[in-house]
Structures are given as C-alpha cells and as structure tokens.
C-alpha atoms as a PDB file:
ATOM      1  CA  UNK A   1     -32.080 -17.176   6.846  1.00  0.00           C
ATOM      2  CA  UNK A   2     -34.958 -18.842   8.675  1.00  0.00           C
ATOM      3  CA  UNK A   3     -37.095 -18.783   5.532  1.00  0.00           C
ATOM      4  CA  UNK A   4     -34.262 -20.304   3.537  1.00  0.00           C
ATOM      5  CA  UNK A   5     -34.084 -23.319   5.872  1.00  0.00           C
ATOM      6  CA  UNK A   6     -37.847 -23.847   5.874  1.00  0.00           C
ATOM      7  CA  UNK A   7     -38.071 -23.754   2.081  1.00  0.00           C
ATOM      8  CA  UNK A   8     -35.201 -26.204   1.576  1.00  0.00           C
ATOM      9  CA  UNK A   9     -36.799 -28.709   3.952  1.00  0.00           C
ATOM     10  CA  UNK A  10     -39.600 -29.161   1.409  1.00  0.00           C
ATOM     11  CA  UNK A  11     -37.370 -29.357  -1.666  1.00  0.00           C
ATOM     12  CA  UNK A  12     -35.551 -32.394  -3.104  1.00  0.00           C
ATOM     13  CA  UNK A  13     -31.913 -32.805  -2.137  1.00  0.00           C
ATOM     14  CA  UNK A  14     -30.703 -31.831  -5.612  1.00  0.00           C
ATOM     15  CA  UNK A  15     -32.317 -28.374  -5.395  1.00  0.00           C
ATOM     16  CA  UNK A  16     -31.360 -25.618  -2.949  1.00  0.00           C
ATOM     17  CA  UNK A  17     -32.445 -21.992  -2.832  1.00  0.00           C
ATOM     18  CA  UNK A  18     -31.177 -19.145  -0.705  1.00  0.00           C
ATOM     19  CA  UNK A  19     -31.059 -15.404  -0.516  1.00  0.00           C
ATOM     20  CA  UNK A  20     -29.343 -12.379   0.906  1.00  0.00           C
ATOM     21  CA  UNK A  21     -30.524  -8.897   1.848  1.00  0.00           C
ATOM     22  CA  UNK A  22     -28.171  -6.083   2.775  1.00  0.00           C
ATOM     23  CA  UNK A  23     -28.685  -2.413   3.573  1.00  0.00           C
ATOM     24  CA  UNK A  24     -25.916   0.083   4.280  1.00  0.00           C
ATOM     25  CA  UNK A  25     -26.107   3.780   5.021  1.00  0.00           C
ATOM     26  CA  UNK A  26     -23.048   5.803   4.130  1.00  0.00           C
ATOM     27  CA  UNK A  27     -21.974   9.265   3.086  1.00  0.00           C
ATOM     28  CA  UNK A  28     -19.150  11.752   2.756  1.00  0.00           C
ATOM     29  CA  UNK A  29     -18.485  15.472   2.921  1.00  0.00           C
ATOM     30  CA  UNK A  30     -15.963  17.667   1.144  1.00  0.00           C
ATOM     31  CA  UNK A  31     -16.014  15.574  -2.011  1.00  0.00           C
ATOM     32  CA  UNK A  32     -13.402  16.783  -4.469  1.00  0.00           C
ATOM     33  CA  UNK A  33     -12.215  19.230  -1.762  1.00  0.00           C
ATOM     34  CA  UNK A  34     -15.227  21.410  -2.532  1.00  0.00           C
ATOM     35  CA  UNK A  35     -17.587  23.025  -0.025  1.00  0.00           C
ATOM     36  CA  UNK A  36     -21.239  21.950   0.068  1.00  0.00           C
ATOM     37  CA  UNK A  37     -20.461  18.625  -1.617  1.00  0.00           C
ATOM     38  CA  UNK A  38     -21.719  16.170   0.994  1.00  0.00           C
ATOM     39  CA  UNK A  39     -23.651  13.091  -0.095  1.00  0.00           C
ATOM     40  CA  UNK A  40     -25.558  10.767   2.255  1.00  0.00           C
ATOM     41  CA  UNK A  41     -27.357   7.794   0.777  1.00  0.00           C
ATOM     42  CA  UNK A  42     -28.776   4.331   1.430  1.00  0.00           C
ATOM     43  CA  UNK A  43     -27.487   1.287  -0.438  1.00  0.00           C
ATOM     44  CA  UNK A  44     -29.633  -1.850  -0.701  1.00  0.00           C
ATOM     45  CA  UNK A  45     -28.799  -5.217  -2.222  1.00  0.00           C
ATOM     46  CA  UNK A  46     -30.970  -8.301  -2.662  1.00  0.00           C
ATOM     47  CA  UNK A  47     -29.785 -11.620  -4.056  1.00  0.00           C
ATOM     48  CA  UNK A  48     -31.581 -14.832  -4.934  1.00  0.00           C
ATOM     49  CA  UNK A  49     -29.460 -17.994  -5.202  1.00  0.00           C
ATOM     50  CA  UNK A  50     -30.442 -21.274  -6.848  1.00  0.00           C
ATOM     51  CA  UNK A  51     -28.283 -24.423  -6.833  1.00  0.00           C
ATOM     52  CA  UNK A  52     -29.195 -27.485  -8.891  1.00  0.00           C
ATOM     53  CA  UNK A  53     -26.971 -30.508  -8.241  1.00  0.00           C
ATOM     54  CA  UNK A  54     -28.188 -33.684  -9.981  1.00  0.00           C
ATOM     55  CA  UNK A  55     -25.159 -35.589  -8.648  1.00  0.00           C
ATOM     56  CA  UNK A  56     -21.893 -34.985  -6.799  1.00  0.00           C
ATOM     57  CA  UNK A  57     -20.028 -34.144 -10.017  1.00  0.00           C
ATOM     58  CA  UNK A  58     -22.427 -31.794 -11.788  1.00  0.00           C
ATOM     59  CA  UNK A  59     -23.974 -28.541 -10.589  1.00  0.00           C
ATOM     60  CA  UNK A  60     -25.753 -25.476 -11.948  1.00  0.00           C
ATOM     61  CA  UNK A  61     -25.564 -22.163 -10.079  1.00  0.00           C
ATOM     62  CA  UNK A  62     -27.677 -19.048 -10.670  1.00  0.00           C
ATOM     63  CA  UNK A  63     -27.606 -15.793  -8.712  1.00  0.00           C
ATOM     64  CA  UNK A  64     -29.905 -12.859  -9.498  1.00  0.00           C
ATOM     65  CA  UNK A  65     -29.139  -9.483  -7.950  1.00  0.00           C
ATOM     66  CA  UNK A  66     -30.971  -6.207  -7.463  1.00  0.00           C
ATOM     67  CA  UNK A  67     -28.758  -3.395  -6.102  1.00  0.00           C
ATOM     68  CA  UNK A  68     -30.061   0.166  -5.686  1.00  0.00           C
ATOM     69  CA  UNK A  69     -29.150   3.486  -4.125  1.00  0.00           C
ATOM     70  CA  UNK A  70     -31.535   5.984  -2.535  1.00  0.00           C
ATOM     71  CA  UNK A  71     -30.890   9.632  -1.754  1.00  0.00           C
ATOM     72  CA  UNK A  72     -27.611  10.141  -3.597  1.00  0.00           C
ATOM     73  CA  UNK A  73     -26.785  13.506  -5.172  1.00  0.00           C
ATOM     74  CA  UNK A  74     -24.268  12.047  -7.605  1.00  0.00           C
ATOM     75  CA  UNK A  75     -25.155  12.171 -11.292  1.00  0.00           C
ATOM     76  CA  UNK A  76     -24.702   9.987 -13.161  1.00  0.00           C
ATOM     77  CA  UNK A  77     -25.193   7.345 -10.484  1.00  0.00           C
ATOM     78  CA  UNK A  78     -21.923   5.380 -10.054  1.00  0.00           C
ATOM     79  CA  UNK A  79     -22.047   1.779 -11.262  1.00  0.00           C
ATOM     80  CA  UNK A  80     -20.595   0.723  -7.911  1.00  0.00           C
ATOM     81  CA  UNK A  81     -23.897   1.845  -6.320  1.00  0.00           C
ATOM     82  CA  UNK A  82     -26.670   0.544  -8.559  1.00  0.00           C
ATOM     83  CA  UNK A  83     -27.455  -2.393 -10.820  1.00  0.00           C
ATOM     84  CA  UNK A  84     -31.175  -3.017 -11.113  1.00  0.00           C
ATOM     85  CA  UNK A  85     -32.365  -6.603 -11.358  1.00  0.00           C
ATOM     86  CA  UNK A  86     -29.880  -8.596 -13.420  1.00  0.00           C
ATOM     87  CA  UNK A  87     -28.015 -11.885 -13.618  1.00  0.00           C
ATOM     88  CA  UNK A  88     -24.858 -11.721 -11.515  1.00  0.00           C
ATOM     89  CA  UNK A  89     -23.858 -15.394 -11.746  1.00  0.00           C
ATOM     90  CA  UNK A  90     -24.945 -18.282 -13.917  1.00  0.00           C
ATOM     91  CA  UNK A  91     -22.572 -21.174 -14.549  1.00  0.00           C
ATOM     92  CA  UNK A  92     -22.286 -24.914 -14.893  1.00  0.00           C
ATOM     93  CA  UNK A  93     -19.602 -26.908 -13.093  1.00  0.00           C
ATOM     94  CA  UNK A  94     -18.593 -30.374 -14.280  1.00  0.00           C
ATOM     95  CA  UNK A  95     -16.729 -32.054 -11.436  1.00  0.00           C
ATOM     96  CA  UNK A  96     -16.361 -30.869  -7.858  1.00  0.00           C
ATOM     97  CA  UNK A  97     -13.802 -28.057  -7.592  1.00  0.00           C
ATOM     98  CA  UNK A  98     -13.295 -28.765  -3.882  1.00  0.00           C
ATOM     99  CA  UNK A  99     -12.430 -32.463  -4.181  1.00  0.00           C
ATOM    100  CA  UNK A 100     -12.154 -33.828  -7.751  1.00  0.00           C
ATOM    101  CA  UNK A 101      -8.751 -33.846  -9.492  1.00  0.00           C
ATOM    102  CA  UNK A 102     -10.257 -32.171 -12.582  1.00  0.00           C
ATOM    103  CA  UNK A 103     -13.241 -29.858 -12.854  1.00  0.00           C
ATOM    104  CA  UNK A 104     -14.466 -27.272 -15.353  1.00  0.00           C
ATOM    105  CA  UNK A 105     -16.615 -24.230 -14.640  1.00  0.00           C
ATOM    106  CA  UNK A 106     -18.133 -22.239 -17.507  1.00  0.00           C
ATOM    107  CA  UNK A 107     -20.372 -19.174 -17.419  1.00  0.00           C
ATOM    108  CA  UNK A 108     -20.793 -16.041 -15.348  1.00  0.00           C
ATOM    109  CA  UNK A 109     -18.906 -16.497 -12.075  1.00  0.00           C
ATOM    110  CA  UNK A 110     -16.677 -14.981  -9.420  1.00  0.00           C
ATOM    111  CA  UNK A 111     -12.883 -15.080  -9.713  1.00  0.00           C
ATOM    112  CA  UNK A 112     -10.979 -14.732  -6.438  1.00  0.00           C
ATOM    113  CA  UNK A 113      -7.230 -15.191  -6.317  1.00  0.00           C
ATOM    114  CA  UNK A 114      -4.519 -13.999  -3.973  1.00  0.00           C
ATOM    115  CA  UNK A 115      -6.927 -12.905  -1.226  1.00  0.00           C
ATOM    116  CA  UNK A 116      -8.372 -10.521  -3.848  1.00  0.00           C
ATOM    117  CA  UNK A 117      -5.126  -8.581  -4.039  1.00  0.00           C
ATOM    118  CA  UNK A 118      -4.784  -9.688  -7.665  1.00  0.00           C
ATOM    119  CA  UNK A 119      -8.318 -10.610  -8.780  1.00  0.00           C
ATOM    120  CA  UNK A 120     -11.498 -10.464  -6.718  1.00  0.00           C
ATOM    121  CA  UNK A 121     -15.199  -9.789  -6.716  1.00  0.00           C
ATOM    122  CA  UNK A 122     -15.012  -6.684  -4.436  1.00  0.00           C
ATOM    123  CA  UNK A 123     -17.863  -7.746  -2.170  1.00  0.00           C
ATOM    124  CA  UNK A 124     -17.904  -4.482  -0.225  1.00  0.00           C
ATOM    125  CA  UNK A 125     -19.012  -2.683  -3.392  1.00  0.00           C
ATOM    126  CA  UNK A 126     -22.800  -2.669  -3.625  1.00  0.00           C
ATOM    127  CA  UNK A 127     -22.825  -4.244  -7.083  1.00  0.00           C
ATOM    128  CA  UNK A 128     -19.710  -6.507  -6.809  1.00  0.00           C
ATOM    129  CA  UNK A 129     -17.763  -7.899  -9.758  1.00  0.00           C
ATOM    130  CA  UNK A 130     -18.350 -11.036 -11.805  1.00  0.00           C
ATOM    131  CA  UNK A 131     -16.690 -12.488 -14.904  1.00  0.00           C
ATOM    132  CA  UNK A 132     -17.837 -14.351 -18.009  1.00  0.00           C
ATOM    133  CA  UNK A 133     -15.249 -17.089 -17.935  1.00  0.00           C
ATOM    134  CA  UNK A 134     -14.182 -20.638 -18.678  1.00  0.00           C
ATOM    135  CA  UNK A 135     -12.108 -22.099 -15.858  1.00  0.00           C
ATOM    136  CA  UNK A 136     -10.194 -25.371 -15.560  1.00  0.00           C
ATOM    137  CA  UNK A 137      -9.343 -26.470 -12.009  1.00  0.00           C
ATOM    138  CA  UNK A 138      -6.672 -29.130 -11.427  1.00  0.00           C
ATOM    139  CA  UNK A 139      -5.963 -30.648  -8.002  1.00  0.00           C
ATOM    140  CA  UNK A 140      -3.389 -33.163  -6.806  1.00  0.00           C
ATOM    141  CA  UNK A 141      -2.597 -33.562  -3.120  1.00  0.00           C
ATOM    142  CA  UNK A 142      -1.743 -30.130  -1.781  1.00  0.00           C
ATOM    143  CA  UNK A 143      -1.358 -28.576  -5.234  1.00  0.00           C
ATOM    144  CA  UNK A 144      -4.061 -26.691  -7.116  1.00  0.00           C
ATOM    145  CA  UNK A 145      -3.911 -24.911 -10.477  1.00  0.00           C
ATOM    146  CA  UNK A 146      -6.625 -22.695 -11.969  1.00  0.00           C
ATOM    147  CA  UNK A 147      -6.408 -21.924 -15.691  1.00  0.00           C
ATOM    148  CA  UNK A 148      -8.952 -19.409 -16.962  1.00  0.00           C
ATOM    149  CA  UNK A 149      -9.994 -17.178 -19.839  1.00  0.00           C
ATOM    150  CA  UNK A 150     -12.372 -14.390 -18.872  1.00  0.00           C
ATOM    151  CA  UNK A 151     -13.922 -11.023 -19.549  1.00  0.00           C
ATOM    152  CA  UNK A 152     -14.992  -8.737 -16.654  1.00  0.00           C
ATOM    153  CA  UNK A 153     -18.745  -8.093 -16.723  1.00  0.00           C
ATOM    154  CA  UNK A 154     -19.639  -4.426 -17.082  1.00  0.00           C
ATOM    155  CA  UNK A 155     -22.821  -2.967 -15.611  1.00  0.00           C
ATOM    156  CA  UNK A 156     -25.063  -1.422 -18.240  1.00  0.00           C
ATOM    157  CA  UNK A 157     -28.611  -0.087 -18.541  1.00  0.00           C
ATOM    158  CA  UNK A 158     -29.513  -3.223 -20.461  1.00  0.00           C
ATOM    159  CA  UNK A 159     -28.457  -6.805 -19.680  1.00  0.00           C
ATOM    160  CA  UNK A 160     -24.946  -6.768 -18.205  1.00  0.00           C
ATOM    161  CA  UNK A 161     -22.246  -8.245 -20.403  1.00  0.00           C
ATOM    162  CA  UNK A 162     -18.521  -8.187 -20.932  1.00  0.00           C
ATOM    163  CA  UNK A 163     -17.140  -5.882 -23.599  1.00  0.00           C
ATOM    164  CA  UNK A 164     -15.322  -7.546 -26.488  1.00  0.00           C
ATOM    165  CA  UNK A 165     -11.637  -6.715 -26.469  1.00  0.00           C
ATOM    166  CA  UNK A 166     -11.378  -6.434 -22.686  1.00  0.00           C
ATOM    167  CA  UNK A 167     -10.006  -9.798 -21.591  1.00  0.00           C
ATOM    168  CA  UNK A 168      -8.184 -11.221 -18.604  1.00  0.00           C
ATOM    169  CA  UNK A 169      -6.578 -14.658 -18.828  1.00  0.00           C
ATOM    170  CA  UNK A 170      -4.218 -16.471 -16.545  1.00  0.00           C
ATOM    171  CA  UNK A 171      -2.938 -19.357 -14.471  1.00  0.00           C
ATOM    172  CA  UNK A 172      -3.003 -19.244 -10.683  1.00  0.00           C
ATOM    173  CA  UNK A 173      -1.448 -22.004  -8.576  1.00  0.00           C
ATOM    174  CA  UNK A 174      -1.481 -22.874  -4.896  1.00  0.00           C
ATOM    175  CA  UNK A 175       1.080 -25.186  -3.276  1.00  0.00           C
ATOM    176  CA  UNK A 176       0.565 -25.990   0.383  1.00  0.00           C
ATOM    177  CA  UNK A 177       3.588 -26.916   2.463  1.00  0.00           C
ATOM    178  CA  UNK A 178       3.735 -29.662   5.030  1.00  0.00           C
ATOM    179  CA  UNK A 179       1.108 -29.392   7.738  1.00  0.00           C
ATOM    180  CA  UNK A 180      -0.230 -26.356   5.808  1.00  0.00           C
ATOM    181  CA  UNK A 181       2.217 -24.015   7.525  1.00  0.00           C
ATOM    182  CA  UNK A 182       3.132 -22.274   4.284  1.00  0.00           C
ATOM    183  CA  UNK A 183       1.366 -21.676   0.960  1.00  0.00           C
ATOM    184  CA  UNK A 184       3.091 -20.656  -2.262  1.00  0.00           C
ATOM    185  CA  UNK A 185       0.931 -19.176  -5.018  1.00  0.00           C
ATOM    186  CA  UNK A 186       2.732 -18.673  -8.353  1.00  0.00           C
ATOM    187  CA  UNK A 187       0.744 -16.966 -11.083  1.00  0.00           C
ATOM    188  CA  UNK A 188       0.800 -15.481 -14.554  1.00  0.00           C
ATOM    189  CA  UNK A 189      -1.912 -13.030 -15.581  1.00  0.00           C
ATOM    190  CA  UNK A 190      -2.435 -11.759 -19.109  1.00  0.00           C
ATOM    191  CA  UNK A 191      -4.468  -8.623 -19.868  1.00  0.00           C
ATOM    192  CA  UNK A 192      -5.646  -7.938 -23.419  1.00  0.00           C
ATOM    193  CA  UNK A 193      -7.542  -4.797 -24.381  1.00  0.00           C
ATOM    194  CA  UNK A 194      -8.127  -2.621 -27.381  1.00  0.00           C
ATOM    195  CA  UNK A 195      -8.223   1.063 -28.166  1.00  0.00           C
ATOM    196  CA  UNK A 196      -5.127   1.965 -26.146  1.00  0.00           C
ATOM    197  CA  UNK A 197      -3.187   5.024 -27.211  1.00  0.00           C
ATOM    198  CA  UNK A 198       0.552   4.605 -27.713  1.00  0.00           C
ATOM    199  CA  UNK A 199       3.328   7.095 -27.018  1.00  0.00           C
ATOM    200  CA  UNK A 200       3.383   8.070 -30.676  1.00  0.00           C
ATOM    201  CA  UNK A 201      -0.306   8.988 -30.508  1.00  0.00           C
ATOM    202  CA  UNK A 202      -1.736   6.067 -32.467  1.00  0.00           C
ATOM    203  CA  UNK A 203      -4.189   3.470 -31.205  1.00  0.00           C
ATOM    204  CA  UNK A 204      -3.318  -0.165 -30.674  1.00  0.00           C
ATOM    205  CA  UNK A 205      -4.141  -3.289 -28.722  1.00  0.00           C
ATOM    206  CA  UNK A 206      -2.224  -3.403 -25.419  1.00  0.00           C
ATOM    207  CA  UNK A 207      -1.071  -6.822 -24.232  1.00  0.00           C
ATOM    208  CA  UNK A 208       0.441  -7.001 -20.743  1.00  0.00           C
ATOM    209  CA  UNK A 209       1.600 -10.055 -18.770  1.00  0.00           C
ATOM    210  CA  UNK A 210       2.019 -10.100 -14.981  1.00  0.00           C
ATOM    211  CA  UNK A 211       4.090 -12.982 -13.543  1.00  0.00           C
ATOM    212  CA  UNK A 212       4.559 -13.206  -9.798  1.00  0.00           C
ATOM    213  CA  UNK A 213       4.333 -15.253  -6.616  1.00  0.00           C
ATOM    214  CA  UNK A 214       2.461 -14.842  -3.332  1.00  0.00           C
ATOM    215  CA  UNK A 215       3.895 -16.579  -0.245  1.00  0.00           C
ATOM    216  CA  UNK A 216       2.259 -16.655   3.177  1.00  0.00           C
ATOM    217  CA  UNK A 217       2.090 -18.934   6.219  1.00  0.00           C
ATOM    218  CA  UNK A 218       1.955 -19.343   9.970  1.00  0.00           C
ATOM    219  CA  UNK A 219       4.806 -19.576  12.475  1.00  0.00           C
END
C-alpha cells in the first residue's frame, strides 16, 4: 500500500496503478469421508491494477492476476486454487457508472448483484470470477438499472476465455426508498447453454429465465 501511494505521487492524474498481495493457509481432513485424505496447502494471489482516466467520463481498467497453490495433494489442481498469470479484468467504461445517467462498460469485468446471492465474483475463492460482458447502466434519482449480456470466464491452461454457448444475460434494478430506509431490487436473469441432455435422452440447448425481487432495509 505504501509503495502504491509513492508511485502515484509521481504519475499524472489520469494514470493510477495499484496492487494486492494475499496469502492464505488452509486445509482439511477426512475429505470424501475417507481416512488419510487430509490436505494442507498455501494459497497466494497477486494482482496488478492499472486505471487510465483521460477525463471524468471515460476510463480504462486493467487487472492482471497470478494465483497459485503450494503443497496441495489434489490432482488435478482445482481451478478455484490456481490461475497462473492471466488477465482477470480489462474493460472500457464510457460515462461514470456512479454518477452519470447513462454509462456503458464493455470487456472483461466483475458482475455483482444482490449481495452476490444471485451473481458475484466470489472473492474468497483464490482465483475469483470475472465475465466477458457488455453492460448498460441507467440511473435516475434513486433508481438504477443494469442491463447486461455476458459469458462467465473459464480458467484454462492457455489464455482464459468464456466458452461459446454458455451465456448469462439479464436486467437488475435497484429502487431506493425515501431516506434510503428500504431498497427494492427487481431482476430477470436469463441463462443460455448448450449440450444439455433432455428427459428423453437427446441433447438440446437449455434456456432458463429467473425473475425475482430482493427487498431489504433498515428499521
């Protein structure tokens, strides 16, 4: 953190860099209810962040990540443990999603809706989730609507990418009540995939829609 501040002091205002380092030791015993199946390991994660903002209504964001595991007995190594140096985020945002009435974000990014109960990046996981997506953000007063088309990025031995035919689209709204004592979040999510097996045994392309609403507030 100290190095991040020092570096940014010598950079122009339109360029900011940052980073993150995390190490976590964890393990388990009795995996699969089998004896002698303990696994203790060390998880490490390093991230490099770059923000380029030529003006208040245009920004470019890049995040590189290197996540590794040491000492695990699991083979193959779970994708939630390891993703050697790769691009986790890289997107352009036209408009300011926190203040402008209309903004568009396109590229590899995080999607977080409904306190991650519906869609989230799963930050506790060593590799975390990102999406290749196009996202329209509309704001008016205390109302916000996100409209997006996306594909979850899958970790691979080569450059990570989303798999064609595995898509998640949707609309997620947020309506804040007076004095922000209550928030109503209506949503519709649409999952499209391919290669699903039907009850008759044949393969098809499943298409499932999930409408709903999330309501929360303070007394």
